[in-house]
Amino acid sequence: MKNKKILLIIFIFTCAGLLSSIKTYAESNYKSATYTSFINHEMYKWENIIHNFETNNPPTTIEQYLELIDYYYGFTSYLIGRKQLETAEKNIEKANKLIALVLKKSPKNATAYSYKGAFIGLSIGINRFKAIFLGSESSANVNKAYGLDPQNIQANIDKGNILYYSPSVFGGDKKEALKFYIKAAKIIEAKKDTYQNWAYLNLLTNTALAYEKTEQPHLAKLIFEKILQIEPNYYRVKVDLYPKFLTKHKM
């Protein structure tokens, strides 16, 4: 039973993908570039964005380190999805060093702990034999992040992911997961951090999909429409998800 629970970490974080990656800090010169590549379905461009960030404007504050970690997370998820595992492993190593640096400077940083758990999950996704040793550590870091700050966006997303992707026999509950997703979105909106925020769009997208999975298509439709009002050119929703949704539900 314990091993089965540990193996769930692989599924949770590889399926969650970009969902867990939310910024809560000041925007930088790279925010527009990451947003544009995200909505245009061009995540491969993030490699250059990360390189320019590290070489031209190396981070000096905790907020900047978290921003760079966020880009590593998004790009690493993309690499794993495309089976570019060797490069993904190198990115995980770099990100873990950044996370350790943040936690050294800010030992109770909830966002850093949530990322720590997420990157452990990505590492397990690359090599499933690590699940036995690292699975519980991954979930423990997410839970610690939420315990430190229940209002932390990253922690709410990851708590939602665990509830959404886990089978019901292991405590999974998609409707309960929606509460965390909705809470995270409201926090972002209250912070007025919705402009050119690729992760906010991604969160709304997954919220719409969660509504559909819980047999609430009318609410899913409202969220899809909200997304396209915010960003009419968001490729994934405009070209793929929303048309399929409308066809399936005859709306």
Protein backbone atom coordinates (compact mmCIF):
# COMPACT_ATOMS: atom_id res chain seq x y z
CA MET A 1 0.00 0.00 0.00
CA LYS A 2 2.85 2.39 0.88
CA ASN A 3 4.62 1.77 -2.41
CA LYS A 4 1.40 2.38 -4.32
CA LYS A 5 0.98 5.73 -2.60
CA ILE A 6 4.56 6.64 -3.40
CA LEU A 7 4.13 5.73 -7.05
CA LEU A 8 1.21 8.14 -7.23
CA ILE A 9 3.72 10.97 -6.98
CA ILE A 10 4.97 10.09 -10.45
CA PHE A 11 1.50 10.37 -11.91
CA ILE A 12 0.54 13.49 -10.00
CA PHE A 13 3.48 15.60 -11.05
CA THR A 14 3.94 14.36 -14.59
CA CYS A 15 0.23 14.83 -15.30
CA ALA A 16 0.08 18.13 -13.52
CA GLY A 17 2.86 19.43 -15.71
CA LEU A 18 2.75 23.16 -15.98
CA LEU A 19 -0.24 23.38 -13.70
CA SER A 20 1.92 23.67 -10.57
CA SER A 21 3.95 26.56 -11.81
CA ILE A 22 2.59 29.90 -10.55
CA LYS A 23 4.47 33.14 -9.91
CA THR A 24 3.72 35.36 -6.93
CA TYR A 25 6.50 37.89 -7.35
CA ALA A 26 7.28 41.03 -9.28
CA GLU A 27 7.38 40.75 -13.05
CA SER A 28 10.74 40.91 -14.84
CA ASN A 29 11.91 41.70 -18.35
CA TYR A 30 11.23 38.06 -19.28
CA LYS A 31 7.57 37.91 -18.35
CA SER A 32 6.34 39.06 -21.76
CA ALA A 33 8.62 36.63 -23.61
CA THR A 34 7.52 33.62 -21.58
CA TYR A 35 3.88 34.61 -21.95
CA THR A 36 4.09 35.02 -25.73
CA SER A 37 5.81 31.68 -26.24
CA PHE A 38 3.29 29.99 -23.95
CA ILE A 39 0.14 31.22 -25.68
CA ASN A 40 1.67 30.47 -29.09
CA HIS A 41 2.54 26.91 -28.07
CA GLU A 42 6.28 27.58 -28.47
CA MET A 43 7.71 26.39 -25.16
CA TYR A 44 11.02 25.48 -26.78
CA LYS A 45 11.88 29.19 -26.72
CA TRP A 46 12.13 29.08 -22.95
CA GLU A 47 15.62 27.60 -23.20
CA ASN A 48 16.96 30.90 -24.53
CA ILE A 49 14.93 32.87 -22.01
CA ILE A 50 16.49 30.94 -19.14
CA HIS A 51 19.98 31.33 -20.63
CA ASN A 52 19.56 35.08 -21.04
CA PHE A 53 18.21 35.41 -17.52
CA GLU A 54 21.19 33.60 -16.02
CA THR A 55 23.89 35.28 -18.11
CA ASN A 56 22.59 38.80 -18.73
CA ASN A 57 20.64 39.47 -15.54
CA PRO A 58 21.67 36.94 -12.89
CA PRO A 59 19.17 36.84 -10.01
CA THR A 60 20.13 38.65 -6.82
CA THR A 61 16.86 38.66 -4.85
CA ILE A 62 14.68 35.84 -3.59
CA GLU A 63 11.90 36.97 -5.94
CA GLN A 64 14.24 36.75 -8.93
CA TYR A 65 15.50 33.32 -7.89
CA LEU A 66 11.90 32.09 -7.61
CA GLU A 67 11.15 33.49 -11.04
CA LEU A 68 14.08 31.61 -12.55
CA ILE A 69 13.02 28.44 -10.74
CA ASP A 70 9.55 28.90 -12.20
CA TYR A 71 10.97 29.02 -15.73
CA TYR A 72 13.03 25.91 -15.05
CA TYR A 73 9.92 24.13 -13.88
CA GLY A 74 7.87 25.06 -16.90
CA PHE A 75 10.63 24.17 -19.35
CA THR A 76 11.54 20.93 -17.56
CA SER A 77 7.92 19.79 -17.67
CA TYR A 78 7.93 20.51 -21.40
CA LEU A 79 11.15 18.52 -21.90
CA ILE A 80 9.80 15.51 -20.02
CA GLY A 81 6.66 15.62 -22.14
CA ARG A 82 8.86 15.47 -25.24
CA LYS A 83 11.03 12.67 -23.77
CA GLN A 84 14.16 14.85 -23.69
CA LEU A 85 15.07 13.31 -20.37
CA GLU A 86 18.82 13.95 -20.26
CA THR A 87 18.33 17.69 -20.64
CA ALA A 88 15.44 17.57 -18.17
CA GLU A 89 17.69 15.95 -15.56
CA LYS A 90 20.28 18.69 -15.95
CA ASN A 91 17.60 21.32 -15.48
CA ILE A 92 16.36 19.60 -12.33
CA GLU A 93 19.88 19.67 -10.89
CA LYS A 94 20.20 23.38 -11.61
CA ALA A 95 16.77 24.15 -10.20
CA ASN A 96 17.45 22.18 -7.01
CA LYS A 97 20.57 24.27 -6.40
CA LEU A 98 18.53 27.44 -6.78
CA ILE A 99 15.84 26.12 -4.43
CA ALA A 100 18.48 25.23 -1.82
CA LEU A 101 19.89 28.73 -2.10
CA VAL A 102 16.45 30.30 -1.56
CA LEU A 103 15.75 28.08 1.47
CA LYS A 104 19.13 28.98 2.94
CA LYS A 105 18.24 32.65 2.73
CA SER A 106 14.54 32.16 3.54
CA PRO A 107 14.07 28.91 5.54
CA LYS A 108 10.29 29.26 5.72
CA ASN A 109 9.64 30.13 2.10
CA ALA A 110 6.48 28.21 1.18
CA THR A 111 6.89 28.69 -2.57
CA ALA A 112 10.38 27.22 -2.50
CA TYR A 113 9.20 24.18 -0.54
CA SER A 114 6.38 23.61 -3.02
CA TYR A 115 8.83 23.79 -5.91
CA LYS A 116 11.11 21.41 -4.05
CA GLY A 117 8.34 18.85 -3.89
CA ALA A 118 7.42 19.43 -7.53
CA PHE A 119 10.98 18.96 -8.80
CA ILE A 120 11.33 15.77 -6.77
CA GLY A 121 8.18 14.60 -8.52
CA LEU A 122 9.66 15.46 -11.92
CA SER A 123 12.82 13.55 -11.02
CA ILE A 124 10.71 10.50 -10.18
CA GLY A 125 8.93 10.92 -13.50
CA ILE A 126 12.27 10.57 -15.28
CA ASN A 127 13.39 7.57 -13.24
CA ARG A 128 10.56 5.65 -11.60
CA PHE A 129 12.93 3.57 -9.48
CA LYS A 130 13.44 6.70 -7.39
CA ALA A 131 9.81 6.57 -6.24
CA ILE A 132 10.56 4.22 -3.35
CA PHE A 133 13.17 6.61 -1.95
CA LEU A 134 11.80 10.02 -2.90
CA GLY A 135 8.04 9.69 -3.25
CA SER A 136 7.15 10.49 0.34
CA GLU A 137 9.66 13.36 0.37
CA SER A 138 7.93 14.96 -2.59
CA SER A 139 4.49 15.00 -0.99
CA ALA A 140 5.95 16.02 2.38
CA ASN A 141 7.44 19.18 0.89
CA VAL A 142 4.14 20.16 -0.74
CA ASN A 143 2.34 19.62 2.55
CA LYS A 144 4.97 21.63 4.41
CA ALA A 145 4.55 24.49 1.95
CA TYR A 146 0.81 24.57 2.52
CA GLY A 147 1.29 24.33 6.28
CA LEU A 148 3.63 27.32 6.23
CA ASP A 149 1.24 29.45 4.20
CA PRO A 150 -2.28 28.27 3.30
CA GLN A 151 -2.60 31.37 1.09
CA ASN A 152 0.44 30.47 -1.00
CA ILE A 153 -0.53 30.06 -4.65
CA GLN A 154 1.98 27.34 -5.48
CA ALA A 155 1.01 25.31 -2.42
CA ASN A 156 -2.70 25.55 -3.24
CA ILE A 157 -2.05 24.42 -6.80
CA ASP A 158 -0.03 21.41 -5.68
CA LYS A 159 -2.54 20.45 -3.01
CA GLY A 160 -5.19 20.62 -5.71
CA ASN A 161 -3.10 18.45 -8.00
CA ILE A 162 -2.72 15.74 -5.40
CA LEU A 163 -6.48 15.65 -4.85
CA TYR A 164 -7.24 15.79 -8.57
CA TYR A 165 -4.86 13.14 -9.87
CA SER A 166 -4.96 10.64 -6.99
CA PRO A 167 -7.49 7.78 -7.21
CA SER A 168 -10.33 8.04 -4.71
CA VAL A 169 -9.00 5.03 -2.75
CA PHE A 170 -5.94 7.14 -1.93
CA GLY A 171 -7.91 10.22 -0.98
CA GLY A 172 -8.37 11.69 -4.44
CA ASP A 173 -11.33 14.00 -4.86
CA LYS A 174 -11.70 16.10 -8.02
CA LYS A 175 -14.41 18.32 -6.57
CA GLU A 176 -12.27 19.02 -3.53
CA ALA A 177 -9.33 19.74 -5.85
CA LEU A 178 -11.41 22.39 -7.58
CA LYS A 179 -11.65 24.30 -4.30
CA PHE A 180 -7.87 24.69 -4.24
CA TYR A 181 -7.71 25.66 -7.92
CA ILE A 182 -10.43 28.27 -7.47
CA LYS A 183 -8.77 29.57 -4.32
CA ALA A 184 -5.43 29.93 -6.14
CA ALA A 185 -7.06 31.81 -9.01
CA LYS A 186 -8.81 34.19 -6.61
CA ILE A 187 -5.52 34.93 -4.86
CA ILE A 188 -3.85 35.73 -8.18
CA GLU A 189 -6.75 37.97 -9.14
CA ALA A 190 -6.70 39.74 -5.76
CA LYS A 191 -3.00 40.44 -6.27
CA LYS A 192 -3.86 41.88 -9.70
CA ASP A 193 -1.26 39.59 -11.26
CA THR A 194 -3.35 38.39 -14.21
CA TYR A 195 -1.78 40.49 -16.98
CA GLN A 196 0.46 38.42 -19.26
CA ASN A 197 0.55 35.68 -16.65
CA TRP A 198 0.90 32.42 -18.57
CA ALA A 199 0.54 30.34 -15.42
CA TYR A 200 -2.75 32.01 -14.53
CA LEU A 201 -4.12 31.07 -17.95
CA ASN A 202 -2.89 27.54 -17.46
CA LEU A 203 -4.55 27.37 -14.06
CA LEU A 204 -7.86 28.53 -15.53
CA THR A 205 -7.51 25.95 -18.30
CA ASN A 206 -7.08 23.14 -15.83
CA THR A 207 -9.96 24.48 -13.78
CA ALA A 208 -12.18 24.26 -16.86
CA LEU A 209 -11.04 20.70 -17.49
CA ALA A 210 -11.71 19.83 -13.85
CA TYR A 211 -15.25 21.19 -14.13
CA GLU A 212 -15.76 19.02 -17.19
CA LYS A 213 -14.40 15.94 -15.40
CA THR A 214 -16.79 16.53 -12.51
CA GLU A 215 -19.76 16.71 -14.88
CA GLN A 216 -20.22 20.47 -14.66
CA PRO A 217 -19.88 21.41 -18.36
CA HIS A 218 -21.83 24.66 -17.95
CA LEU A 219 -19.18 25.92 -15.51
CA ALA A 220 -16.38 24.61 -17.72
CA LYS A 221 -17.83 26.58 -20.62
CA LEU A 222 -17.86 29.77 -18.55
CA ILE A 223 -14.18 29.33 -17.67
CA PHE A 224 -13.20 28.60 -21.29
CA GLU A 225 -15.02 31.77 -22.34
CA LYS A 226 -13.28 33.73 -19.59
CA ILE A 227 -9.91 32.49 -20.83
CA LEU A 228 -10.59 33.58 -24.39
CA GLN A 229 -11.75 36.97 -23.20
CA ILE A 230 -8.47 37.41 -21.38
CA GLU A 231 -6.37 36.04 -24.24
CA PRO A 232 -8.15 35.39 -27.59
CA ASN A 233 -4.94 34.02 -29.13
CA TYR A 234 -4.26 31.32 -26.54
CA TYR A 235 -3.53 28.45 -28.94
CA ARG A 236 -4.25 25.49 -26.68
CA VAL A 237 -7.75 26.63 -25.79
CA LYS A 238 -8.68 28.41 -29.02
CA VAL A 239 -7.54 25.71 -31.44
CA ASP A 240 -7.67 22.51 -29.41
CA LEU A 241 -9.53 22.26 -26.10
CA TYR A 242 -12.51 24.57 -26.54
CA PRO A 243 -13.58 23.34 -30.02
CA LYS A 244 -13.39 19.74 -28.80
CA PHE A 245 -15.37 20.66 -25.70
CA LEU A 246 -18.12 22.30 -27.73
CA THR A 247 -18.36 19.33 -30.07
CA LYS A 248 -18.49 16.83 -27.21
CA HIS A 249 -21.14 18.68 -25.24
CA LYS A 250 -23.08 20.03 -28.26
CA MET A 251 -22.87 23.61 -27.00
